[in-house]
Protein backbone atom coordinates (compact mmCIF):
# COMPACT_ATOMS: atom_id res chain seq x y z
CA UNK A 1 43.83 -11.18 12.30
CA UNK A 2 40.93 -13.51 13.30
CA UNK A 3 39.38 -15.28 10.78
CA UNK A 4 35.83 -14.32 9.49
CA UNK A 5 33.68 -17.54 9.48
CA UNK A 6 30.07 -18.41 8.16
CA UNK A 7 28.22 -18.70 11.97
CA UNK A 8 26.40 -21.82 10.56
CA UNK A 9 30.37 -23.53 10.17
CA UNK A 10 30.82 -22.78 13.86
CA UNK A 11 30.24 -25.59 16.95
CA UNK A 12 26.90 -25.17 19.49
CA UNK A 13 29.67 -25.14 22.31
CA UNK A 14 31.52 -22.34 21.16
CA UNK A 15 28.97 -19.87 20.01
CA UNK A 16 27.26 -20.21 23.24
CA UNK A 17 30.52 -19.04 25.18
CA UNK A 18 30.54 -15.92 22.69
CA UNK A 19 26.58 -15.14 23.60
CA UNK A 20 27.56 -15.46 27.30
CA UNK A 21 30.28 -13.14 27.35
CA UNK A 22 28.55 -10.93 24.22
CA UNK A 23 24.81 -10.88 25.16
CA UNK A 24 24.59 -12.30 28.88
CA UNK A 25 21.06 -11.60 28.68
CA UNK A 26 20.02 -13.36 25.46
CA UNK A 27 22.32 -16.04 25.41
CA UNK A 28 19.90 -19.00 26.09
CA UNK A 29 17.69 -17.62 23.26
CA UNK A 30 20.36 -16.85 21.02
CA UNK A 31 22.27 -20.53 22.01
CA UNK A 32 18.65 -22.15 20.49
CA UNK A 33 17.06 -20.32 18.03
CA UNK A 34 20.19 -18.15 16.06
CA UNK A 35 19.15 -20.47 13.04
CA UNK A 36 15.43 -19.13 13.41
CA UNK A 37 16.52 -15.27 14.00
CA UNK A 38 19.09 -14.84 11.38
CA UNK A 39 16.81 -17.50 8.40
CA UNK A 40 20.13 -19.51 8.29
CA UNK A 41 19.98 -20.89 5.29
CA UNK A 42 16.66 -19.92 3.99
CA UNK A 43 18.48 -17.19 1.67
CA UNK A 44 21.17 -18.57 -0.51
CA UNK A 45 24.63 -16.86 0.20
CA UNK A 46 23.53 -15.08 3.09
CA UNK A 47 24.90 -15.85 6.54
CA UNK A 48 25.16 -14.59 9.58
CA UNK A 49 29.41 -13.86 10.03
CA UNK A 50 31.78 -14.45 13.11
CA UNK A 51 34.79 -13.87 13.91
CA UNK A 52 37.02 -16.79 15.02
CA UNK A 53 40.72 -16.82 16.74
CA UNK A 54 41.68 -20.35 17.78
CA UNK A 55 38.71 -21.94 18.96
CA UNK A 56 37.22 -18.94 20.44
CA UNK A 57 34.51 -16.89 18.35
CA UNK A 58 35.39 -12.96 19.32
CA UNK A 59 33.19 -11.14 16.89
CA UNK A 60 30.13 -11.38 15.52
CA UNK A 61 27.54 -9.99 12.59
CA UNK A 62 23.78 -11.26 13.11
CA UNK A 63 22.19 -10.52 10.10
CA UNK A 64 17.86 -10.87 8.55
CA UNK A 65 17.30 -11.01 5.24
CA UNK A 66 14.38 -9.63 4.59
CA UNK A 67 12.34 -8.52 1.51
CA UNK A 68 12.04 -4.87 0.02
CA UNK A 69 9.13 -3.90 -1.90
CA UNK A 70 9.40 -0.04 -4.06
CA UNK A 71 8.04 1.21 -7.16
CA UNK A 72 6.39 -2.20 -7.14
CA UNK A 73 9.85 -3.96 -7.21
CA UNK A 74 10.76 -6.52 -4.70
CA UNK A 75 14.42 -7.36 -4.01
CA UNK A 76 16.26 -8.65 -0.33
CA UNK A 77 18.39 -6.84 1.76
CA UNK A 78 19.42 -7.10 4.66
CA UNK A 79 19.15 -6.01 8.11
CA UNK A 80 22.15 -6.12 10.11
CA UNK A 81 21.68 -6.87 13.57
CA UNK A 82 23.35 -8.34 16.80
CA UNK A 83 27.13 -6.93 16.16
CA UNK A 84 29.53 -7.26 18.59
CA UNK A 85 33.46 -7.01 18.73
CA UNK A 86 35.17 -8.56 22.52
CA UNK A 87 36.29 -5.88 23.75
CA UNK A 88 40.27 -7.34 23.67
CA UNK A 89 39.86 -6.95 20.19
CA UNK A 90 38.36 -3.48 19.34
CA UNK A 91 40.06 -0.65 17.89
CA UNK A 92 42.00 -2.99 15.29
CA UNK A 93 40.00 -3.14 12.33
CA UNK A 94 38.38 -6.24 13.19
CA UNK A 95 34.83 -4.31 13.29
CA UNK A 96 35.26 -2.92 9.45
CA UNK A 97 36.29 -6.34 8.24
CA UNK A 98 33.93 -8.27 9.99
CA UNK A 99 31.33 -5.17 8.56
CA UNK A 100 32.81 -5.66 4.78
CA UNK A 101 32.13 -9.53 4.85
CA UNK A 102 28.38 -8.67 5.83
CA UNK A 103 28.08 -6.00 3.01
CA UNK A 104 29.37 -8.65 0.39
CA UNK A 105 26.45 -10.13 0.81
CA UNK A 106 24.21 -8.79 -0.50
CA UNK A 107 23.62 -4.64 -2.16
CA UNK A 108 21.05 -3.68 0.15
CA UNK A 109 21.89 -3.03 3.88
CA UNK A 110 19.69 -1.45 6.39
CA UNK A 111 20.27 -1.68 10.38
CA UNK A 112 19.23 0.47 13.31
CA UNK A 113 22.55 0.63 15.52
CA UNK A 114 24.25 2.51 18.52
CA UNK A 115 26.13 5.18 18.98
CA UNK A 116 29.51 2.61 18.87
CA UNK A 117 28.62 0.70 15.79
CA UNK A 118 27.49 3.87 13.75
CA UNK A 119 31.11 4.98 13.48
CA UNK A 120 32.11 1.87 11.54
CA UNK A 121 29.12 2.47 9.39
CA UNK A 122 29.34 5.98 8.40
CA UNK A 123 33.54 5.18 7.65
CA UNK A 124 32.19 2.27 4.77
CA UNK A 125 29.98 5.23 3.23
CA UNK A 126 26.48 4.30 4.80
CA UNK A 127 23.89 7.13 5.30
CA UNK A 128 21.61 7.63 8.63
CA UNK A 129 18.98 9.30 10.45
CA UNK A 130 16.36 9.27 12.83
CA UNK A 131 12.91 8.99 11.98
CA UNK A 132 11.85 5.77 14.26
CA UNK A 133 11.67 5.89 17.77
CA UNK A 134 10.70 3.93 20.54
CA UNK A 135 7.21 4.48 22.17
CA UNK A 136 6.41 3.29 25.53
CA UNK A 137 4.04 3.89 28.61
CA UNK A 138 4.21 2.42 32.34
CA UNK A 139 1.30 0.76 33.69
CA UNK A 140 2.28 -0.38 36.64
CA UNK A 141 4.59 2.76 38.62
CA UNK A 142 6.29 0.81 41.75
CA UNK A 143 9.11 -0.90 39.50
CA UNK A 144 10.65 2.78 37.57
CA UNK A 145 10.13 4.47 40.64
CA UNK A 146 12.34 2.10 42.07
CA UNK A 147 14.93 3.95 40.58
CA UNK A 148 14.57 6.62 43.39
CA UNK A 149 15.11 4.26 46.17
CA UNK A 150 12.56 3.01 48.84
CA UNK A 151 10.76 6.13 49.02
CA UNK A 152 9.67 5.99 45.08
CA UNK A 153 8.81 2.28 45.41
CA UNK A 154 6.53 3.11 48.28
CA UNK A 155 5.17 6.42 46.01
CA UNK A 156 4.91 3.82 42.82
CA UNK A 157 2.67 1.94 44.82
CA UNK A 158 0.33 4.95 46.42
CA UNK A 159 0.09 5.95 43.19
CA UNK A 160 -0.10 3.06 40.89
CA UNK A 161 -4.05 2.73 41.60
CA UNK A 162 -5.36 6.11 40.16
CA UNK A 163 -2.39 5.91 37.58
CA UNK A 164 -3.84 3.28 35.96
CA UNK A 165 -7.23 4.35 36.35
CA UNK A 166 -6.08 7.95 34.31
CA UNK A 167 -4.77 5.55 31.39
CA UNK A 168 -8.12 3.44 31.77
CA UNK A 169 -9.80 6.62 30.77
CA UNK A 170 -7.86 7.51 27.47
CA UNK A 171 -9.28 4.18 26.79
CA UNK A 172 -12.40 5.41 26.54
CA UNK A 173 -14.55 5.08 23.68
CA UNK A 174 -12.27 2.12 22.31
CA UNK A 175 -13.67 -0.24 19.64
CA UNK A 176 -14.40 -3.88 20.94
CA UNK A 177 -11.59 -6.23 19.98
CA UNK A 178 -11.90 -9.71 18.48
CA UNK A 179 -8.59 -11.63 19.69
CA UNK A 180 -7.37 -15.00 19.19
CA UNK A 181 -4.53 -17.13 18.48
CA UNK A 182 -2.26 -16.39 15.67
CA UNK A 183 -4.34 -18.32 12.82
CA UNK A 184 -2.30 -21.36 10.65
CA UNK A 185 -2.54 -19.86 7.45
CA UNK A 186 0.24 -18.18 7.09
CA UNK A 187 -1.32 -16.54 3.47
CA UNK A 188 -4.53 -15.04 5.27
CA UNK A 189 -2.14 -13.61 7.86
CA UNK A 190 -0.32 -11.56 5.13
CA UNK A 191 -3.05 -10.85 3.25
CA UNK A 192 -3.96 -8.85 6.82
CA UNK A 193 -0.57 -7.08 7.32
CA UNK A 194 0.59 -6.63 3.95
CA UNK A 195 0.05 -3.66 1.95
CA UNK A 196 1.64 -4.12 -1.46
CA UNK A 197 -0.39 -0.83 -3.05
CA UNK A 198 1.45 1.11 0.24
CA UNK A 199 4.14 4.39 -1.35
CA UNK A 200 6.99 4.10 -0.48
CA UNK A 201 9.70 0.99 0.37
CA UNK A 202 8.58 -1.37 2.71
CA UNK A 203 9.25 -4.63 3.98
CA UNK A 204 7.27 -7.39 2.67
CA UNK A 205 5.31 -9.25 5.03
CA UNK A 206 4.38 -12.28 2.63
CA UNK A 207 2.84 -15.18 3.37
CA UNK A 208 6.59 -16.53 3.35
CA UNK A 209 7.72 -13.56 5.61
CA UNK A 210 4.53 -14.56 8.17
CA UNK A 211 5.32 -18.10 8.40
CA UNK A 212 9.43 -16.90 9.89
CA UNK A 213 8.01 -14.77 11.80
CA UNK A 214 5.15 -15.81 13.63
CA UNK A 215 4.20 -19.15 12.71
CA UNK A 216 7.67 -20.55 13.37
CA UNK A 217 8.52 -18.25 16.43
CA UNK A 218 9.52 -20.06 19.47
CA UNK A 219 7.45 -17.42 21.07
CA UNK A 220 4.47 -17.90 18.67
CA UNK A 221 2.10 -18.77 21.94
CA UNK A 222 2.82 -15.20 23.06
CA UNK A 223 1.21 -13.97 20.41
CA UNK A 224 -1.91 -13.46 19.63
CA UNK A 225 -4.02 -11.37 16.08
CA UNK A 226 -6.64 -8.69 17.03
CA UNK A 227 -9.33 -6.98 14.96
CA UNK A 228 -11.45 -4.40 15.04
CA UNK A 229 -12.81 -2.07 12.53
CA UNK A 230 -11.32 -3.87 9.70
CA UNK A 231 -7.82 -3.47 10.63
CA UNK A 232 -5.63 -6.28 12.00
CA UNK A 233 -3.02 -6.27 14.45
CA UNK A 234 -0.62 -8.36 15.92
CA UNK A 235 -0.55 -8.09 19.87
CA UNK A 236 2.15 -10.09 21.98
CA UNK A 237 2.21 -10.53 26.01
CA UNK A 238 5.00 -11.94 27.57
CA UNK A 239 7.55 -11.26 30.90
CA UNK A 240 11.04 -9.93 30.48
CA UNK A 241 12.86 -8.78 33.75
CA UNK A 242 10.01 -9.47 35.98
CA UNK A 243 7.75 -7.24 34.09
CA UNK A 244 4.75 -8.23 32.37
CA UNK A 245 4.77 -6.51 28.88
CA UNK A 246 2.80 -5.96 26.35
CA UNK A 247 3.62 -5.19 22.24
CA UNK A 248 1.87 -3.61 19.51
CA UNK A 249 3.96 -5.10 16.79
CA UNK A 250 1.67 -4.26 13.94
CA UNK A 251 -0.70 -2.37 13.00
CA UNK A 252 -2.20 -3.54 9.42
CA UNK A 253 -3.59 -1.40 6.66
CA UNK A 254 -6.78 0.27 6.87
CA UNK A 255 -8.34 3.51 7.43
CA UNK A 256 -6.39 6.11 9.35
CA UNK A 257 -9.10 6.39 12.18
CA UNK A 258 -9.69 2.91 12.58
CA UNK A 259 -5.78 2.01 13.05
CA UNK A 260 -6.21 5.22 15.70
CA UNK A 261 -8.92 3.41 16.81
CA UNK A 262 -6.90 0.36 17.38
CA UNK A 263 -3.99 1.89 19.10
CA UNK A 264 -6.49 3.03 21.70
CA UNK A 265 -7.80 -0.69 22.01
CA UNK A 266 -4.33 -2.13 22.42
CA UNK A 267 -4.04 0.66 25.30
CA UNK A 268 -7.06 -1.07 27.05
CA UNK A 269 -5.95 -5.05 26.17
CA UNK A 270 -3.12 -4.25 27.48
CA UNK A 271 -4.36 -2.94 30.81
CA UNK A 272 -7.25 -5.48 30.80
CA UNK A 273 -3.78 -8.49 30.67
CA UNK A 274 -2.35 -6.58 33.54
CA UNK A 275 0.57 -5.10 31.78
CA UNK A 276 3.26 -3.63 33.57
CA UNK A 277 4.54 -1.88 30.51
CA UNK A 278 3.36 -1.08 26.83
CA UNK A 279 5.57 -0.60 23.79
CA UNK A 280 5.70 -0.45 20.00
CA UNK A 281 8.27 0.98 17.87
CA UNK A 282 8.25 2.75 14.85
CA UNK A 283 9.23 4.51 11.79
CA UNK A 284 5.57 4.00 10.24
CA UNK A 285 4.30 7.98 10.48
CA UNK A 286 0.86 6.62 10.50
CA UNK A 287 1.54 3.53 13.15
CA UNK A 288 3.47 6.88 15.46
CA UNK A 289 0.46 9.26 14.58
CA UNK A 290 -1.83 6.18 16.08
CA UNK A 291 -0.11 5.54 18.69
CA UNK A 292 1.32 9.13 19.84
CA UNK A 293 -1.85 9.85 22.02
CA UNK A 294 -1.48 6.69 24.43
CA UNK A 295 2.67 6.65 24.62
CA UNK A 296 3.80 9.36 26.36
CA UNK A 297 7.73 8.22 26.12
CA UNK A 298 9.49 8.64 22.88
CA UNK A 299 13.28 7.22 22.45
CA UNK A 300 14.84 8.10 19.19
CA UNK A 301 15.69 5.37 17.06
CA UNK A 302 19.32 6.04 14.53
CA UNK A 303 18.22 3.99 11.02
CA UNK A 304 21.26 3.81 8.96
CA UNK A 305 21.63 2.38 5.45
CA UNK A 306 23.56 1.28 2.10
CA UNK A 307 23.22 0.29 -1.12
CA UNK A 308 25.66 -0.39 -4.31
CA UNK A 309 22.82 0.81 -6.48
CA UNK A 310 21.76 4.10 -6.71
CA UNK A 311 17.96 4.04 -6.95
CA UNK A 312 17.76 1.90 -4.16
CA UNK A 313 20.07 4.54 -2.25
CA UNK A 314 17.52 7.60 -3.56
CA UNK A 315 14.75 4.79 -2.34
CA UNK A 316 16.10 4.57 0.94
CA UNK A 317 17.06 7.94 1.61
CA UNK A 318 13.12 8.71 1.75
CA UNK A 319 11.33 8.11 4.78
CA UNK A 320 10.92 3.74 4.96
CA UNK A 321 7.92 2.89 7.37
CA UNK A 322 8.28 0.17 9.66
CA UNK A 323 6.53 -1.09 12.91
CA UNK A 324 8.27 -3.02 15.61
CA UNK A 325 7.61 -6.39 14.04
CA UNK A 326 9.97 -5.68 10.98
CA UNK A 327 13.38 -5.93 12.57
CA UNK A 328 14.64 -7.26 16.04
CA UNK A 329 13.66 -4.57 18.09
CA UNK A 330 11.07 -6.84 19.83
CA UNK A 331 13.12 -9.72 20.00
CA UNK A 332 15.46 -7.98 22.30
CA UNK A 333 14.00 -8.49 25.26
CA UNK A 334 15.03 -11.53 27.21
């Protein structure tokens, strides 16, 4: 059985070779920024783990530690991310052993997972549900229709202008946005994005979290803070796989009508920026409802959780409102 070690103990060139093999599209980003992404060294005893065979990394279990708030109390929890076992080591118990070692770091654990990884989690007593989704809307059609060949691409080009025009009609009545770069004050950001009084179990977006997730983000320049009607939001504009993408990462607390208006204003902003795709991810029912009239595609996500504490298990069994900014969804794009 390969040895389980902390990722922080592995030489960068050895990690690079694994990332190139397991996550080729994201390898360059991970090599440069994995310590930021996994919050390495910021939570004692919590570190991403790897499987090592000789001088080769053959498995990986990434971790993003956060605080969860429930019933007015806060506790550390860990997101299970970037789980991968190289093919020649699959089916030999390596994934189970790595997951068990990962679970031992923290009593409260959550993840969004795929069909392969959920099989490992279920064997270890995890629970699952599918109340989260990725919401998207293509604003440029020739790219998506290229899968139908040259005629599809040409049709997309012809239909592109009227398609964008009809999308713009959807934004009629959207409030005027104040859009500016992210401020340097992490505490001020937390006041706009966190909601300590909200019911249920939620990721805590306090000053420390805002500093890490936004202000220390190596792609911070791609993010903006938008405000309208007393509600704030975080947008991201960037290019990935040749497509200009506009991401609605978070809508802060506020009245339902103002949050829905913010979703509409985001779509108008995305069109104004020449985005090819608009995107959001949420298990937050309020955000999903706000976005539903504008994002016509919905891809369900599998959420799984596990806790050593009975009260925490019951709390996590209830809907846990998350938005794209609360996990690594947005960070999966190369």
